[in-house]
């Protein structure tokens, strides 16, 4: 990008401006950042929903695992469209666990204390775990419809028919 500066600023002495420092930085490889974001979201879901027996790195193939330990400015080989069916199955099971745990947590707390979702997750206002799981399904190459159907089934099984109908 071209930066136009006024003449008065050209003769100024001192440290390099933050804009110039930012322009000198290497460009990041955005798909690699998205890949890291998926891992962070998976780890946060495991922690927040207290999911047991989940191995987060098992959700990724060997290319995906190797990409986690590379510099964000490097262009890495990321997983292609063809995935191992075993990895896809593990991903699907994980997303369904996330949805089930979110619905179970919400329903059990509402039955016990009549607590709203915002009170249950005070630092996560507006965070809807089933919607997050459906969004994550796109990155993990799992059908969003499968996750949404499971969410509706879970709502019905916990007696939240009014939410299931919506």
C-alpha atoms as a PDB file:
ATOM      1  CA  UNK A   1       0.000   0.000   0.000  1.00  0.00           C
ATOM      2  CA  UNK A   2       1.054   3.564  -0.696  1.00  0.00           C
ATOM      3  CA  UNK A   3       1.201   5.783   2.363  1.00  0.00           C
ATOM      4  CA  UNK A   4       0.830   9.484   1.788  1.00  0.00           C
ATOM      5  CA  UNK A   5       2.502  11.566   4.464  1.00  0.00           C
ATOM      6  CA  UNK A   6       2.471  15.250   5.050  1.00  0.00           C
ATOM      7  CA  UNK A   7       5.693  17.174   4.547  1.00  0.00           C
ATOM      8  CA  UNK A   8       5.867  18.066   8.238  1.00  0.00           C
ATOM      9  CA  UNK A   9       6.136  14.389   9.182  1.00  0.00           C
ATOM     10  CA  UNK A  10       8.963  13.584   6.744  1.00  0.00           C
ATOM     11  CA  UNK A  11      11.632  15.425   8.728  1.00  0.00           C
ATOM     12  CA  UNK A  12      10.604  14.017  12.112  1.00  0.00           C
ATOM     13  CA  UNK A  13      13.268  12.022  13.902  1.00  0.00           C
ATOM     14  CA  UNK A  14      12.597   9.198  16.308  1.00  0.00           C
ATOM     15  CA  UNK A  15      11.537   5.582  16.351  1.00  0.00           C
ATOM     16  CA  UNK A  16       9.953   3.966  13.326  1.00  0.00           C
ATOM     17  CA  UNK A  17       6.186   4.454  13.136  1.00  0.00           C
ATOM     18  CA  UNK A  18       3.890   1.566  13.928  1.00  0.00           C
ATOM     19  CA  UNK A  19       2.470   1.686  10.398  1.00  0.00           C
ATOM     20  CA  UNK A  20       5.906   1.177   8.878  1.00  0.00           C
ATOM     21  CA  UNK A  21       6.621  -1.653  11.291  1.00  0.00           C
ATOM     22  CA  UNK A  22       3.333  -3.312  10.377  1.00  0.00           C
ATOM     23  CA  UNK A  23       4.084  -3.043   6.663  1.00  0.00           C
ATOM     24  CA  UNK A  24       7.473  -4.675   7.160  1.00  0.00           C
ATOM     25  CA  UNK A  25       5.916  -7.767   8.758  1.00  0.00           C
ATOM     26  CA  UNK A  26       5.593 -10.906   6.688  1.00  0.00           C
ATOM     27  CA  UNK A  27       2.087 -11.725   5.533  1.00  0.00           C
ATOM     28  CA  UNK A  28       0.413 -14.592   7.310  1.00  0.00           C
ATOM     29  CA  UNK A  29      -1.018 -17.605   5.552  1.00  0.00           C
ATOM     30  CA  UNK A  30      -4.699 -17.186   6.388  1.00  0.00           C
ATOM     31  CA  UNK A  31      -5.755 -20.853   5.897  1.00  0.00           C
ATOM     32  CA  UNK A  32      -3.125 -21.789   8.488  1.00  0.00           C
ATOM     33  CA  UNK A  33      -4.638 -19.283  10.935  1.00  0.00           C
ATOM     34  CA  UNK A  34      -8.089 -20.786  10.307  1.00  0.00           C
ATOM     35  CA  UNK A  35      -6.612 -24.222  10.988  1.00  0.00           C
ATOM     36  CA  UNK A  36      -5.244 -22.979  14.332  1.00  0.00           C
ATOM     37  CA  UNK A  37      -8.636 -21.408  15.086  1.00  0.00           C
ATOM     38  CA  UNK A  38     -10.354 -24.765  14.611  1.00  0.00           C
ATOM     39  CA  UNK A  39      -7.968 -26.379  17.109  1.00  0.00           C
ATOM     40  CA  UNK A  40      -8.518 -23.574  19.632  1.00  0.00           C
ATOM     41  CA  UNK A  41     -12.285 -23.896  19.283  1.00  0.00           C
ATOM     42  CA  UNK A  42     -12.087 -27.663  19.750  1.00  0.00           C
ATOM     43  CA  UNK A  43      -9.922 -27.276  22.857  1.00  0.00           C
ATOM     44  CA  UNK A  44     -12.227 -24.624  24.296  1.00  0.00           C
ATOM     45  CA  UNK A  45     -15.292 -26.805  23.725  1.00  0.00           C
ATOM     46  CA  UNK A  46     -13.591 -29.767  25.412  1.00  0.00           C
ATOM     47  CA  UNK A  47     -12.676 -27.626  28.397  1.00  0.00           C
ATOM     48  CA  UNK A  48     -15.907 -25.648  28.716  1.00  0.00           C
ATOM     49  CA  UNK A  49     -18.273 -28.570  28.296  1.00  0.00           C
ATOM     50  CA  UNK A  50     -16.081 -30.994  30.310  1.00  0.00           C
ATOM     51  CA  UNK A  51     -15.952 -33.558  27.532  1.00  0.00           C
ATOM     52  CA  UNK A  52     -14.212 -36.735  28.596  1.00  0.00           C
ATOM     53  CA  UNK A  53     -12.116 -39.083  26.470  1.00  0.00           C
ATOM     54  CA  UNK A  54     -11.660 -36.616  23.612  1.00  0.00           C
ATOM     55  CA  UNK A  55      -8.282 -36.552  21.912  1.00  0.00           C
ATOM     56  CA  UNK A  56      -8.247 -33.220  20.029  1.00  0.00           C
ATOM     57  CA  UNK A  57      -5.363 -34.112  17.726  1.00  0.00           C
ATOM     58  CA  UNK A  58      -7.187 -37.236  16.578  1.00  0.00           C
ATOM     59  CA  UNK A  59      -9.574 -34.897  14.724  1.00  0.00           C
ATOM     60  CA  UNK A  60      -6.789 -34.052  12.276  1.00  0.00           C
ATOM     61  CA  UNK A  61      -4.821 -36.079   9.751  1.00  0.00           C
ATOM     62  CA  UNK A  62      -1.015 -36.111   9.593  1.00  0.00           C
ATOM     63  CA  UNK A  63      -0.813 -32.996   7.374  1.00  0.00           C
ATOM     64  CA  UNK A  64      -3.108 -31.155   9.744  1.00  0.00           C
ATOM     65  CA  UNK A  65      -1.091 -32.167  12.798  1.00  0.00           C
ATOM     66  CA  UNK A  66       2.181 -31.088  11.202  1.00  0.00           C
ATOM     67  CA  UNK A  67       0.737 -27.696  10.248  1.00  0.00           C
ATOM     68  CA  UNK A  68       0.160 -26.791  13.907  1.00  0.00           C
ATOM     69  CA  UNK A  69       3.866 -26.531  14.594  1.00  0.00           C
ATOM     70  CA  UNK A  70       4.788 -24.259  11.686  1.00  0.00           C
ATOM     71  CA  UNK A  71       5.232 -20.507  11.498  1.00  0.00           C
ATOM     72  CA  UNK A  72       2.013 -18.700  10.545  1.00  0.00           C
ATOM     73  CA  UNK A  73       3.804 -16.918   7.712  1.00  0.00           C
ATOM     74  CA  UNK A  74       4.864 -20.172   6.047  1.00  0.00           C
ATOM     75  CA  UNK A  75       2.720 -21.769   3.402  1.00  0.00           C
ATOM     76  CA  UNK A  76       1.974 -25.282   4.574  1.00  0.00           C
ATOM     77  CA  UNK A  77       0.256 -28.268   3.090  1.00  0.00           C
ATOM     78  CA  UNK A  78      -3.122 -28.370   4.749  1.00  0.00           C
ATOM     79  CA  UNK A  79      -5.589 -31.230   4.615  1.00  0.00           C
ATOM     80  CA  UNK A  80      -7.156 -31.621   1.200  1.00  0.00           C
ATOM     81  CA  UNK A  81     -10.771 -32.378   0.360  1.00  0.00           C
ATOM     82  CA  UNK A  82     -10.233 -36.140   0.531  1.00  0.00           C
ATOM     83  CA  UNK A  83     -10.236 -37.227   4.145  1.00  0.00           C
ATOM     84  CA  UNK A  84      -9.807 -40.600   5.775  1.00  0.00           C
ATOM     85  CA  UNK A  85     -13.281 -41.966   6.680  1.00  0.00           C
ATOM     86  CA  UNK A  86     -12.019 -42.839  10.171  1.00  0.00           C
ATOM     87  CA  UNK A  87     -11.023 -39.221  10.827  1.00  0.00           C
ATOM     88  CA  UNK A  88     -14.385 -38.016   9.516  1.00  0.00           C
ATOM     89  CA  UNK A  89     -16.149 -40.456  11.829  1.00  0.00           C
ATOM     90  CA  UNK A  90     -14.163 -39.215  14.836  1.00  0.00           C
ATOM     91  CA  UNK A  91     -14.963 -35.606  13.885  1.00  0.00           C
ATOM     92  CA  UNK A  92     -18.651 -36.402  13.572  1.00  0.00           C
ATOM     93  CA  UNK A  93     -18.708 -38.115  16.967  1.00  0.00           C
ATOM     94  CA  UNK A  94     -16.951 -35.124  18.514  1.00  0.00           C
ATOM     95  CA  UNK A  95     -19.429 -32.599  17.128  1.00  0.00           C
ATOM     96  CA  UNK A  96     -22.357 -34.690  18.293  1.00  0.00           C
ATOM     97  CA  UNK A  97     -20.781 -34.900  21.762  1.00  0.00           C
ATOM     98  CA  UNK A  98     -20.480 -31.103  21.836  1.00  0.00           C
ATOM     99  CA  UNK A  99     -24.150 -30.669  20.968  1.00  0.00           C
ATOM    100  CA  UNK A 100     -25.261 -33.315  23.468  1.00  0.00           C
ATOM    101  CA  UNK A 101     -23.157 -31.852  26.269  1.00  0.00           C
ATOM    102  CA  UNK A 102     -24.383 -28.316  25.571  1.00  0.00           C
ATOM    103  CA  UNK A 103     -28.038 -29.354  25.605  1.00  0.00           C
ATOM    104  CA  UNK A 104     -27.522 -31.523  28.697  1.00  0.00           C
ATOM    105  CA  UNK A 105     -25.777 -28.700  30.561  1.00  0.00           C
ATOM    106  CA  UNK A 106     -28.427 -26.181  29.626  1.00  0.00           C
ATOM    107  CA  UNK A 107     -31.397 -28.437  30.405  1.00  0.00           C
ATOM    108  CA  UNK A 108     -30.077 -29.804  33.692  1.00  0.00           C
ATOM    109  CA  UNK A 109     -29.298 -26.329  35.015  1.00  0.00           C
ATOM    110  CA  UNK A 110     -32.682 -24.972  33.947  1.00  0.00           C
ATOM    111  CA  UNK A 111     -34.540 -27.829  35.626  1.00  0.00           C
ATOM    112  CA  UNK A 112     -32.544 -27.523  38.836  1.00  0.00           C
ATOM    113  CA  UNK A 113     -32.554 -23.790  39.329  1.00  0.00           C
ATOM    114  CA  UNK A 114     -34.431 -22.203  36.453  1.00  0.00           C
ATOM    115  CA  UNK A 115     -31.155 -20.622  35.341  1.00  0.00           C
ATOM    116  CA  UNK A 116     -30.918 -18.957  31.968  1.00  0.00           C
ATOM    117  CA  UNK A 117     -28.185 -19.802  29.481  1.00  0.00           C
ATOM    118  CA  UNK A 118     -26.540 -16.405  30.021  1.00  0.00           C
ATOM    119  CA  UNK A 119     -26.322 -17.028  33.762  1.00  0.00           C
ATOM    120  CA  UNK A 120     -24.947 -20.519  33.185  1.00  0.00           C
ATOM    121  CA  UNK A 121     -22.210 -19.254  30.868  1.00  0.00           C
ATOM    122  CA  UNK A 122     -21.732 -15.652  32.127  1.00  0.00           C
ATOM    123  CA  UNK A 123     -18.642 -14.899  30.048  1.00  0.00           C
ATOM    124  CA  UNK A 124     -20.161 -16.310  26.877  1.00  0.00           C
ATOM    125  CA  UNK A 125     -23.207 -14.150  26.268  1.00  0.00           C
ATOM    126  CA  UNK A 126     -24.522 -14.876  22.835  1.00  0.00           C
ATOM    127  CA  UNK A 127     -22.446 -18.057  22.466  1.00  0.00           C
ATOM    128  CA  UNK A 128     -24.702 -20.817  21.289  1.00  0.00           C
ATOM    129  CA  UNK A 129     -22.735 -24.076  21.452  1.00  0.00           C
ATOM    130  CA  UNK A 130     -24.919 -26.036  19.013  1.00  0.00           C
ATOM    131  CA  UNK A 131     -24.604 -23.221  16.466  1.00  0.00           C
ATOM    132  CA  UNK A 132     -20.860 -23.150  17.061  1.00  0.00           C
ATOM    133  CA  UNK A 133     -20.742 -26.907  16.457  1.00  0.00           C
ATOM    134  CA  UNK A 134     -22.644 -26.452  13.180  1.00  0.00           C
ATOM    135  CA  UNK A 135     -20.191 -23.728  12.121  1.00  0.00           C
ATOM    136  CA  UNK A 136     -17.272 -25.926  13.098  1.00  0.00           C
ATOM    137  CA  UNK A 137     -18.746 -28.718  10.978  1.00  0.00           C
ATOM    138  CA  UNK A 138     -17.934 -26.712   7.845  1.00  0.00           C
ATOM    139  CA  UNK A 139     -14.249 -26.580   8.772  1.00  0.00           C
ATOM    140  CA  UNK A 140     -14.195 -30.255   9.735  1.00  0.00           C
ATOM    141  CA  UNK A 141     -15.959 -31.367   6.520  1.00  0.00           C
ATOM    142  CA  UNK A 142     -19.010 -32.753   8.317  1.00  0.00           C
ATOM    143  CA  UNK A 143     -22.587 -32.117   7.214  1.00  0.00           C
ATOM    144  CA  UNK A 144     -24.146 -29.203   9.111  1.00  0.00           C
ATOM    145  CA  UNK A 145     -27.559 -30.796   8.693  1.00  0.00           C
ATOM    146  CA  UNK A 146     -26.406 -33.833  10.636  1.00  0.00           C
ATOM    147  CA  UNK A 147     -25.368 -31.633  13.564  1.00  0.00           C
ATOM    148  CA  UNK A 148     -28.596 -29.620  13.428  1.00  0.00           C
ATOM    149  CA  UNK A 149     -30.734 -32.766  13.313  1.00  0.00           C
ATOM    150  CA  UNK A 150     -28.897 -34.137  16.321  1.00  0.00           C
ATOM    151  CA  UNK A 151     -29.495 -30.841  18.158  1.00  0.00           C
ATOM    152  CA  UNK A 152     -33.243 -31.049  17.510  1.00  0.00           C
ATOM    153  CA  UNK A 153     -33.330 -34.697  18.641  1.00  0.00           C
ATOM    154  CA  UNK A 154     -31.480 -33.787  21.838  1.00  0.00           C
ATOM    155  CA  UNK A 155     -33.904 -30.945  22.557  1.00  0.00           C
ATOM    156  CA  UNK A 156     -36.863 -33.283  22.148  1.00  0.00           C
ATOM    157  CA  UNK A 157     -35.247 -35.981  24.295  1.00  0.00           C
ATOM    158  CA  UNK A 158     -34.770 -33.474  27.142  1.00  0.00           C
ATOM    159  CA  UNK A 159     -38.339 -32.264  26.916  1.00  0.00           C
ATOM    160  CA  UNK A 160     -37.540 -28.909  25.329  1.00  0.00           C
ATOM    161  CA  UNK A 161     -40.121 -29.395  22.588  1.00  0.00           C
ATOM    162  CA  UNK A 162     -40.768 -25.679  22.106  1.00  0.00           C
ATOM    163  CA  UNK A 163     -37.091 -25.122  21.249  1.00  0.00           C
ATOM    164  CA  UNK A 164     -36.981 -28.234  19.085  1.00  0.00           C
ATOM    165  CA  UNK A 165     -39.879 -26.968  16.999  1.00  0.00           C
ATOM    166  CA  UNK A 166     -38.078 -23.710  16.333  1.00  0.00           C
END
